[in-house]
N, C-alpha and C. Protein backbone atom coordinates (compact mmCIF):
# COMPACT_ATOMS: atom_id res chain seq x y z
N MET A 1 -43.81 74.36 159.17
CA MET A 1 -43.09 74.09 160.43
C MET A 1 -42.58 72.68 160.53
N THR A 2 -41.34 72.49 160.80
CA THR A 2 -40.75 71.21 160.85
C THR A 2 -41.22 70.36 162.09
N GLU A 3 -41.29 69.01 162.00
CA GLU A 3 -41.54 68.26 163.22
C GLU A 3 -40.58 68.56 164.40
N GLU A 4 -39.39 68.86 164.09
CA GLU A 4 -38.41 69.20 165.15
C GLU A 4 -38.84 70.62 166.02
N VAL A 5 -39.40 71.32 165.36
CA VAL A 5 -39.95 72.63 165.76
C VAL A 5 -41.07 72.31 166.54
N LYS A 6 -42.03 71.62 165.94
CA LYS A 6 -43.27 71.15 166.73
C LYS A 6 -42.91 70.37 168.07
N GLU A 7 -41.94 69.52 168.05
CA GLU A 7 -41.54 68.88 169.27
C GLU A 7 -41.03 69.90 170.34
N THR A 8 -40.24 70.69 169.87
CA THR A 8 -39.67 71.74 170.67
C THR A 8 -40.84 72.62 171.26
N ILE A 9 -41.70 73.00 170.56
CA ILE A 9 -42.83 73.73 171.01
C ILE A 9 -43.64 73.03 172.01
N ASN A 10 -43.90 71.76 171.75
CA ASN A 10 -44.63 70.80 172.72
C ASN A 10 -43.92 70.74 173.99
N ARG A 11 -42.49 70.64 174.00
CA ARG A 11 -41.81 70.68 175.24
C ARG A 11 -42.02 71.95 176.04
N LEU A 12 -42.12 73.12 175.28
CA LEU A 12 -42.25 74.38 175.84
C LEU A 12 -43.56 74.43 176.57
N ILE A 13 -44.63 74.06 175.88
CA ILE A 13 -45.93 73.90 176.33
C ILE A 13 -46.10 73.20 177.68
N GLY A 14 -45.30 72.13 177.73
CA GLY A 14 -45.23 71.30 178.99
C GLY A 14 -44.78 72.01 180.28
N ARG A 15 -44.12 73.16 180.11
CA ARG A 15 -43.66 73.88 181.23
C ARG A 15 -44.76 74.89 181.76
N PHE A 16 -45.92 74.87 181.13
CA PHE A 16 -46.88 75.87 181.56
C PHE A 16 -48.09 75.21 181.97
N PRO A 17 -48.95 75.93 182.88
CA PRO A 17 -50.25 75.28 183.32
C PRO A 17 -51.28 75.25 182.17
N LYS A 18 -51.23 76.26 181.22
CA LYS A 18 -52.09 76.16 180.13
C LYS A 18 -51.26 76.29 178.94
N LYS A 19 -51.79 75.71 177.80
CA LYS A 19 -51.10 75.71 176.57
C LYS A 19 -50.94 77.26 176.06
N GLU A 20 -51.91 78.01 176.24
CA GLU A 20 -51.79 79.38 175.78
C GLU A 20 -50.80 80.27 176.42
N SER A 21 -50.34 79.74 177.68
CA SER A 21 -49.40 80.46 178.39
C SER A 21 -48.04 80.46 177.90
N ALA A 22 -47.87 79.62 176.88
CA ALA A 22 -46.62 79.34 176.33
C ALA A 22 -46.41 80.34 174.94
N LEU A 23 -47.38 81.19 174.69
CA LEU A 23 -47.30 81.98 173.49
C LEU A 23 -46.08 82.75 173.34
N LEU A 24 -45.78 83.58 174.23
CA LEU A 24 -44.61 84.40 174.04
C LEU A 24 -43.25 83.52 173.93
N PRO A 25 -43.15 82.50 174.74
CA PRO A 25 -41.92 81.64 174.38
C PRO A 25 -41.87 81.02 173.05
N VAL A 26 -43.01 80.59 172.65
CA VAL A 26 -43.17 79.98 171.22
C VAL A 26 -42.80 81.00 170.11
N LEU A 27 -43.37 82.23 170.35
CA LEU A 27 -43.11 83.32 169.31
C LEU A 27 -41.63 83.61 169.19
N THR A 28 -41.00 83.59 170.43
CA THR A 28 -39.54 83.96 170.46
C THR A 28 -38.79 82.82 170.04
N LEU A 29 -39.15 81.53 170.16
CA LEU A 29 -38.30 80.53 169.60
C LEU A 29 -38.44 80.56 168.03
N LEU A 30 -39.73 80.82 167.58
CA LEU A 30 -39.75 80.89 166.14
C LEU A 30 -38.99 81.99 165.54
N GLN A 31 -39.04 83.08 166.16
CA GLN A 31 -38.17 84.21 165.58
C GLN A 31 -36.72 83.90 165.70
N LYS A 32 -36.22 83.20 166.81
CA LYS A 32 -34.80 82.99 166.82
C LYS A 32 -34.38 81.88 165.72
N ARG A 33 -35.27 81.17 165.36
CA ARG A 33 -35.04 80.13 164.26
C ARG A 33 -34.80 80.78 162.94
N LYS A 34 -35.57 81.71 162.61
CA LYS A 34 -35.56 82.29 161.11
C LYS A 34 -35.61 83.83 161.20
N GLY A 35 -35.50 84.55 162.21
CA GLY A 35 -35.35 85.92 162.27
C GLY A 35 -36.71 86.61 162.22
N TYR A 36 -37.80 86.07 162.03
CA TYR A 36 -39.10 86.77 162.15
C TYR A 36 -40.17 85.59 162.13
N ILE A 37 -41.46 86.04 162.31
CA ILE A 37 -42.61 85.13 162.58
C ILE A 37 -43.34 85.32 161.42
N SER A 38 -43.67 84.35 160.50
CA SER A 38 -44.37 84.51 159.21
C SER A 38 -45.89 84.37 159.52
N GLU A 39 -46.72 84.57 158.47
CA GLU A 39 -48.18 84.33 158.56
C GLU A 39 -48.50 82.81 158.74
N ASN A 40 -47.66 81.98 158.01
CA ASN A 40 -47.87 80.66 158.31
C ASN A 40 -47.56 80.14 159.76
N ASP A 41 -46.51 80.76 160.29
CA ASP A 41 -46.25 80.57 161.76
C ASP A 41 -47.41 80.88 162.69
N LEU A 42 -47.92 81.99 162.25
CA LEU A 42 -49.16 82.42 163.14
C LEU A 42 -50.29 81.29 163.11
N LYS A 43 -50.51 80.89 161.87
CA LYS A 43 -51.56 79.79 161.76
C LYS A 43 -51.18 78.58 162.43
N ASP A 44 -49.98 78.15 162.32
CA ASP A 44 -49.51 76.88 163.02
C ASP A 44 -49.59 77.01 164.45
N ILE A 45 -49.11 78.17 164.93
CA ILE A 45 -49.26 78.27 166.38
C ILE A 45 -50.78 78.38 166.88
N SER A 46 -51.48 78.95 166.08
CA SER A 46 -52.97 78.95 166.55
C SER A 46 -53.43 77.51 166.69
N GLY A 47 -53.21 76.62 165.81
CA GLY A 47 -53.53 75.36 165.81
C GLY A 47 -52.94 74.55 167.00
N ILE A 48 -51.62 74.78 167.20
CA ILE A 48 -50.93 73.99 168.27
C ILE A 48 -51.43 74.48 169.66
N LEU A 49 -51.55 75.73 169.89
CA LEU A 49 -51.96 76.23 171.16
C LEU A 49 -53.49 76.41 171.29
N ASP A 50 -54.26 76.30 170.28
CA ASP A 50 -55.66 76.34 170.29
C ASP A 50 -56.12 77.74 170.71
N VAL A 51 -55.49 78.81 170.15
CA VAL A 51 -55.77 80.12 170.41
C VAL A 51 -56.17 80.80 169.12
N PRO A 52 -57.01 81.73 169.06
CA PRO A 52 -57.37 82.37 167.60
C PRO A 52 -56.11 83.05 167.11
N GLU A 53 -56.05 82.94 165.92
CA GLU A 53 -54.88 83.55 165.04
C GLU A 53 -54.90 85.12 165.39
N ALA A 54 -55.98 85.70 165.52
CA ALA A 54 -56.02 87.23 165.74
C ALA A 54 -55.35 87.57 167.11
N ARG A 55 -55.54 86.77 168.10
CA ARG A 55 -54.87 86.91 169.50
C ARG A 55 -53.37 86.68 169.26
N ILE A 56 -53.00 85.66 168.41
CA ILE A 56 -51.62 85.52 168.31
C ILE A 56 -50.97 86.62 167.51
N PHE A 57 -51.61 87.13 166.53
CA PHE A 57 -51.16 88.24 165.80
C PHE A 57 -51.06 89.68 166.64
N SER A 58 -52.02 89.84 167.61
CA SER A 58 -52.16 90.90 168.36
C SER A 58 -50.87 90.96 169.39
N THR A 59 -50.66 89.76 169.83
CA THR A 59 -49.48 89.65 170.77
C THR A 59 -48.02 89.88 170.00
N ALA A 60 -48.02 89.24 168.86
CA ALA A 60 -46.81 89.36 168.12
C ALA A 60 -46.56 90.61 167.50
N SER A 61 -47.54 91.40 167.30
CA SER A 61 -47.51 92.76 166.76
C SER A 61 -47.26 93.84 167.89
N PHE A 62 -47.60 93.49 169.13
CA PHE A 62 -47.56 94.45 170.33
C PHE A 62 -46.10 94.64 170.60
N TYR A 63 -45.38 93.49 170.76
CA TYR A 63 -44.02 93.61 171.29
C TYR A 63 -43.09 93.84 170.14
N THR A 64 -42.29 94.97 170.45
CA THR A 64 -41.27 95.38 169.50
C THR A 64 -40.06 94.46 169.29
N MET A 65 -39.94 93.58 170.24
CA MET A 65 -38.80 92.56 170.05
C MET A 65 -39.14 91.49 169.06
N LEU A 66 -40.44 91.38 168.83
CA LEU A 66 -40.92 90.35 167.89
C LEU A 66 -41.28 91.00 166.48
N ARG A 67 -40.80 90.33 165.33
CA ARG A 67 -41.13 90.85 163.98
C ARG A 67 -41.90 89.95 163.17
N LEU A 68 -42.66 90.62 162.44
CA LEU A 68 -43.73 89.83 161.54
C LEU A 68 -43.16 89.88 160.00
N LYS A 69 -41.98 90.60 159.86
CA LYS A 69 -41.31 90.67 158.53
C LYS A 69 -39.75 90.44 158.68
N PRO A 70 -39.29 89.76 157.59
CA PRO A 70 -37.81 89.67 157.87
C PRO A 70 -37.18 91.14 158.16
N ALA A 71 -35.84 91.04 158.74
CA ALA A 71 -35.22 92.25 159.23
C ALA A 71 -33.74 91.91 158.73
N GLY A 72 -33.05 93.07 158.85
CA GLY A 72 -31.57 92.99 158.58
C GLY A 72 -30.69 92.35 159.58
N LYS A 73 -29.60 91.95 159.31
CA LYS A 73 -28.72 91.29 160.43
C LYS A 73 -28.71 92.23 161.68
N TYR A 74 -28.61 93.48 161.38
CA TYR A 74 -28.77 94.39 162.50
C TYR A 74 -30.07 95.35 162.36
N HIS A 75 -30.84 95.04 163.25
CA HIS A 75 -32.19 95.56 163.20
C HIS A 75 -32.19 96.65 164.11
N ILE A 76 -32.33 97.88 163.56
CA ILE A 76 -32.32 99.22 164.44
C ILE A 76 -33.70 99.58 164.67
N GLN A 77 -33.95 99.84 166.01
CA GLN A 77 -35.23 100.44 166.47
C GLN A 77 -34.96 101.90 167.01
N VAL A 78 -35.60 102.89 166.59
CA VAL A 78 -35.47 104.21 167.15
C VAL A 78 -36.67 104.58 167.86
N CYS A 79 -36.25 104.93 169.04
CA CYS A 79 -37.40 105.29 170.00
C CYS A 79 -38.04 106.59 169.49
N THR A 80 -39.40 106.79 169.50
CA THR A 80 -40.11 107.88 169.19
C THR A 80 -41.10 108.41 170.15
N ASN A 81 -40.90 107.91 171.39
CA ASN A 81 -41.84 108.42 172.52
C ASN A 81 -41.58 109.78 172.70
N VAL A 82 -42.32 110.42 173.58
CA VAL A 82 -42.36 111.87 173.71
C VAL A 82 -40.99 112.38 174.15
N VAL A 83 -40.26 111.79 175.13
CA VAL A 83 -38.96 112.33 175.55
C VAL A 83 -37.93 112.25 174.51
N CYS A 84 -37.87 110.93 173.84
CA CYS A 84 -36.88 110.84 172.76
C CYS A 84 -37.19 111.86 171.72
N ALA A 85 -38.52 111.92 171.25
CA ALA A 85 -38.95 112.87 170.28
C ALA A 85 -38.63 114.38 170.53
N LEU A 86 -38.76 114.79 171.75
CA LEU A 86 -38.51 116.07 172.16
C LEU A 86 -36.90 116.34 172.07
N LEU A 87 -36.25 115.42 172.11
CA LEU A 87 -34.59 115.43 172.28
C LEU A 87 -34.08 115.08 170.86
N GLY A 88 -34.74 114.80 169.88
CA GLY A 88 -34.33 114.73 168.63
C GLY A 88 -34.44 113.36 167.92
N SER A 89 -35.11 112.38 168.41
CA SER A 89 -35.21 111.09 167.83
C SER A 89 -35.80 111.04 166.29
N ASP A 90 -36.67 112.06 166.06
CA ASP A 90 -37.09 112.14 164.71
C ASP A 90 -35.94 112.51 163.62
N ALA A 91 -35.12 113.44 164.05
CA ALA A 91 -34.01 113.70 163.34
C ALA A 91 -33.00 112.59 163.08
N ILE A 92 -32.88 111.82 164.23
CA ILE A 92 -31.93 110.63 164.24
C ILE A 92 -32.52 109.71 163.28
N PHE A 93 -33.84 109.40 163.33
CA PHE A 93 -34.44 108.48 162.44
C PHE A 93 -34.21 108.80 161.04
N ASP A 94 -34.47 110.13 160.64
CA ASP A 94 -34.29 110.69 159.39
C ASP A 94 -32.81 110.43 158.78
N TYR A 95 -31.94 110.86 159.85
CA TYR A 95 -30.44 110.71 159.44
C TYR A 95 -30.08 109.35 159.21
N LEU A 96 -30.46 108.44 160.16
CA LEU A 96 -30.26 106.90 159.83
C LEU A 96 -30.81 106.42 158.50
N SER A 97 -32.08 106.86 158.33
CA SER A 97 -32.74 106.50 156.92
C SER A 97 -31.89 106.87 155.77
N LYS A 98 -31.44 108.29 155.87
CA LYS A 98 -30.71 108.82 154.63
C LYS A 98 -29.32 108.00 154.61
N LYS A 99 -28.66 107.88 155.76
CA LYS A 99 -27.24 107.25 155.82
C LYS A 99 -27.30 105.86 155.18
N LEU A 100 -28.35 105.01 155.55
CA LEU A 100 -28.60 103.67 155.03
C LEU A 100 -29.29 103.53 153.74
N ASN A 101 -30.00 104.58 153.43
CA ASN A 101 -30.66 104.66 152.04
C ASN A 101 -31.79 103.69 152.05
N ILE A 102 -32.43 103.67 153.28
CA ILE A 102 -33.83 102.93 153.36
C ILE A 102 -34.85 103.74 154.09
N HIS A 103 -35.93 103.13 154.10
CA HIS A 103 -37.17 103.84 154.72
C HIS A 103 -37.52 102.90 155.86
N GLU A 104 -38.63 103.39 156.58
CA GLU A 104 -39.23 102.45 157.76
C GLU A 104 -39.61 100.96 157.19
N GLY A 105 -39.05 100.08 157.93
CA GLY A 105 -39.42 98.71 157.63
C GLY A 105 -38.62 98.07 156.50
N GLU A 106 -37.71 98.86 155.94
CA GLU A 106 -36.92 98.22 154.79
C GLU A 106 -35.61 97.66 155.26
N ILE A 107 -35.05 96.84 154.45
CA ILE A 107 -33.68 96.28 154.63
C ILE A 107 -32.63 96.74 153.64
N THR A 108 -31.43 97.11 154.00
CA THR A 108 -30.46 97.49 153.07
C THR A 108 -30.28 96.34 152.09
N PRO A 109 -29.81 96.61 150.82
CA PRO A 109 -29.56 95.59 149.80
C PRO A 109 -28.67 94.50 150.18
N ASP A 110 -27.73 94.92 151.07
CA ASP A 110 -26.71 93.86 151.51
C ASP A 110 -27.27 93.12 152.63
N GLY A 111 -28.50 93.42 153.08
CA GLY A 111 -29.23 92.50 154.19
C GLY A 111 -28.53 92.99 155.54
N LEU A 112 -27.75 93.90 155.74
CA LEU A 112 -27.07 94.21 157.03
C LEU A 112 -28.09 94.96 157.95
N PHE A 113 -28.82 95.88 157.51
CA PHE A 113 -29.59 96.85 158.23
C PHE A 113 -30.95 96.88 157.98
N SER A 114 -31.82 96.98 159.04
CA SER A 114 -33.20 97.27 158.77
C SER A 114 -33.54 98.46 159.79
N ILE A 115 -34.50 99.22 159.65
CA ILE A 115 -34.83 100.22 160.50
C ILE A 115 -36.37 100.38 160.78
N VAL A 116 -36.81 100.55 162.02
CA VAL A 116 -38.15 100.68 162.42
C VAL A 116 -38.20 101.87 163.57
N ALA A 117 -39.20 102.63 163.57
CA ALA A 117 -39.54 103.55 164.66
C ALA A 117 -40.48 102.71 165.65
N VAL A 118 -40.05 102.83 167.02
CA VAL A 118 -40.88 102.06 168.00
C VAL A 118 -41.39 103.15 169.09
N GLU A 119 -42.40 102.72 169.73
CA GLU A 119 -42.99 103.66 170.63
C GLU A 119 -42.21 103.98 171.88
N CYS A 120 -41.53 102.97 172.48
CA CYS A 120 -40.75 103.19 173.54
C CYS A 120 -39.75 102.13 173.81
N LEU A 121 -38.49 102.56 174.27
CA LEU A 121 -37.41 101.73 174.52
C LEU A 121 -36.99 101.72 176.11
N ALA A 122 -37.76 102.56 176.85
CA ALA A 122 -37.69 102.68 178.32
C ALA A 122 -36.40 103.25 178.64
N SER A 123 -35.87 104.26 177.85
CA SER A 123 -34.61 104.76 178.13
C SER A 123 -34.72 106.35 178.20
N CYS A 124 -35.84 106.91 178.68
CA CYS A 124 -36.16 108.28 178.72
C CYS A 124 -34.95 109.06 179.50
N GLY A 125 -34.35 108.53 180.49
CA GLY A 125 -33.22 109.25 181.06
C GLY A 125 -32.08 109.48 180.27
N ASN A 126 -31.89 108.81 179.21
CA ASN A 126 -30.82 108.79 178.33
C ASN A 126 -31.15 109.03 176.83
N ALA A 127 -32.25 109.81 176.64
CA ALA A 127 -32.80 110.01 175.21
C ALA A 127 -31.90 110.98 174.55
N PRO A 128 -32.04 110.88 173.23
CA PRO A 128 -32.75 109.91 172.35
C PRO A 128 -31.97 108.49 172.23
N ALA A 129 -32.75 107.45 172.10
CA ALA A 129 -32.11 106.20 172.20
C ALA A 129 -32.53 105.30 171.00
N MET A 130 -31.69 104.40 170.69
CA MET A 130 -32.05 103.41 169.68
C MET A 130 -31.59 101.94 170.16
N GLN A 131 -31.95 101.00 169.57
CA GLN A 131 -31.69 99.55 170.02
C GLN A 131 -31.23 98.83 168.71
N ILE A 132 -30.06 98.30 168.64
CA ILE A 132 -29.61 97.55 167.58
C ILE A 132 -29.64 96.11 168.03
N ASN A 133 -30.50 95.23 167.48
CA ASN A 133 -30.71 93.86 168.05
C ASN A 133 -30.95 93.97 169.56
N MET A 134 -30.12 93.44 170.43
CA MET A 134 -30.35 93.59 171.87
C MET A 134 -29.57 94.54 172.55
N GLU A 135 -28.75 95.37 171.72
CA GLU A 135 -27.94 96.50 172.45
C GLU A 135 -28.44 97.84 172.27
N TYR A 136 -28.52 98.52 173.43
CA TYR A 136 -28.92 99.81 173.60
C TYR A 136 -27.94 100.95 173.14
N HIS A 137 -28.16 102.01 172.66
CA HIS A 137 -27.31 103.06 172.34
C HIS A 137 -28.14 104.31 172.67
N GLU A 138 -27.54 105.13 173.60
CA GLU A 138 -28.28 106.17 174.15
C GLU A 138 -27.62 107.63 173.92
N ASN A 139 -28.24 108.68 174.35
CA ASN A 139 -27.71 110.11 174.32
C ASN A 139 -27.24 110.23 172.92
N LEU A 140 -28.03 109.98 171.92
CA LEU A 140 -27.46 109.86 170.51
C LEU A 140 -27.52 111.28 169.85
N ASP A 141 -26.63 111.48 168.97
CA ASP A 141 -26.55 112.60 168.02
C ASP A 141 -26.01 112.08 166.73
N THR A 142 -25.94 112.77 165.71
CA THR A 142 -25.53 112.19 164.40
C THR A 142 -24.01 111.65 164.48
N GLY A 143 -23.28 112.26 165.13
CA GLY A 143 -21.88 111.94 165.29
C GLY A 143 -21.84 110.45 165.93
N LYS A 144 -22.73 110.17 167.06
CA LYS A 144 -22.52 108.88 167.61
C LYS A 144 -23.18 107.82 166.62
N VAL A 145 -24.17 108.28 165.98
CA VAL A 145 -24.91 107.38 165.08
C VAL A 145 -23.83 106.90 163.92
N ASP A 146 -23.01 107.96 163.48
CA ASP A 146 -21.96 107.55 162.50
C ASP A 146 -21.00 106.56 163.00
N GLU A 147 -20.67 106.82 164.17
CA GLU A 147 -19.64 105.95 164.86
C GLU A 147 -20.07 104.56 165.02
N ILE A 148 -21.48 104.29 165.47
CA ILE A 148 -21.94 103.06 165.77
C ILE A 148 -22.08 102.30 164.28
N ILE A 149 -22.68 103.00 163.37
CA ILE A 149 -22.97 102.40 162.01
C ILE A 149 -21.69 101.92 161.26
N ASP A 150 -20.80 103.03 161.27
CA ASP A 150 -19.50 102.76 160.69
C ASP A 150 -18.73 101.66 161.29
N SER A 151 -18.72 101.42 162.61
CA SER A 151 -18.06 100.35 163.19
C SER A 151 -18.72 99.10 162.90
N ILE A 152 -20.12 99.00 162.71
CA ILE A 152 -20.64 97.69 162.35
C ILE A 152 -20.14 97.45 160.87
N LYS A 153 -20.18 98.36 160.07
CA LYS A 153 -19.84 98.06 158.77
C LYS A 153 -18.35 97.67 158.52
N ARG A 154 -17.44 98.33 159.43
CA ARG A 154 -16.12 97.88 159.36
C ARG A 154 -15.94 96.37 159.86
N ARG A 155 -16.69 96.03 160.89
CA ARG A 155 -16.63 94.74 161.37
C ARG A 155 -17.00 93.56 160.47
N GLU A 156 -18.04 94.11 159.65
CA GLU A 156 -18.73 93.15 158.60
C GLU A 156 -17.76 93.05 157.47
N VAL A 157 -17.13 93.94 157.13
CA VAL A 157 -16.24 93.94 155.87
C VAL A 157 -14.88 93.25 156.23
N GLY A 158 -14.52 93.25 157.72
CA GLY A 158 -13.52 92.60 158.01
C GLY A 158 -12.28 93.52 158.25
N GLY A 159 -12.47 94.72 158.25
CA GLY A 159 -11.44 95.67 158.34
C GLY A 159 -11.58 96.73 159.25
C-alpha cells in the first residue's frame, strides 16, 4: 500500500468517532483504486484500523459490491434470490455464462466481463435482475441479455 493511499485512509479515519467505523469507506476506496481488495490490503487495513483481519474479511465478503478477486471491466452480478430464481435467473445465469464462455467468478480473456451469482439485488418487483457495475437491468430474458451484452461489446470495439 502506497504512502499516498495510507494518507487518504488516515484522512477518512479522521471523519469517524472510532477508527473501525471507517472500515467500509476504506474498503470502498481500495476497490476503487484497483478494482478489488487483495489479501495484502486486508492485512494492511487490519493494522491501520486495529481490527482483526477476520472481521475485515467477513465485512468485505458480505457486501456484493466489494470484490476480493479481480473482475472484468463489466462485472455482472445475477440475482439468485427466491423471486428471481422462480422467474428464471438460473437460466439467465447459465445463458450469460455460455454467451461469455466463462463460469462463476471468471473473467473473459479480453478482460471485459466477469460474472457472479449474488443472493439479492433488491429488485424483486422487476425480477429477474442483474447488475453490471452499478447499473441495474431488470425483467430479463435472453433477448434483453443479448441486447445488453452486444451493446457493451459494440461500444468497446468502437462500432
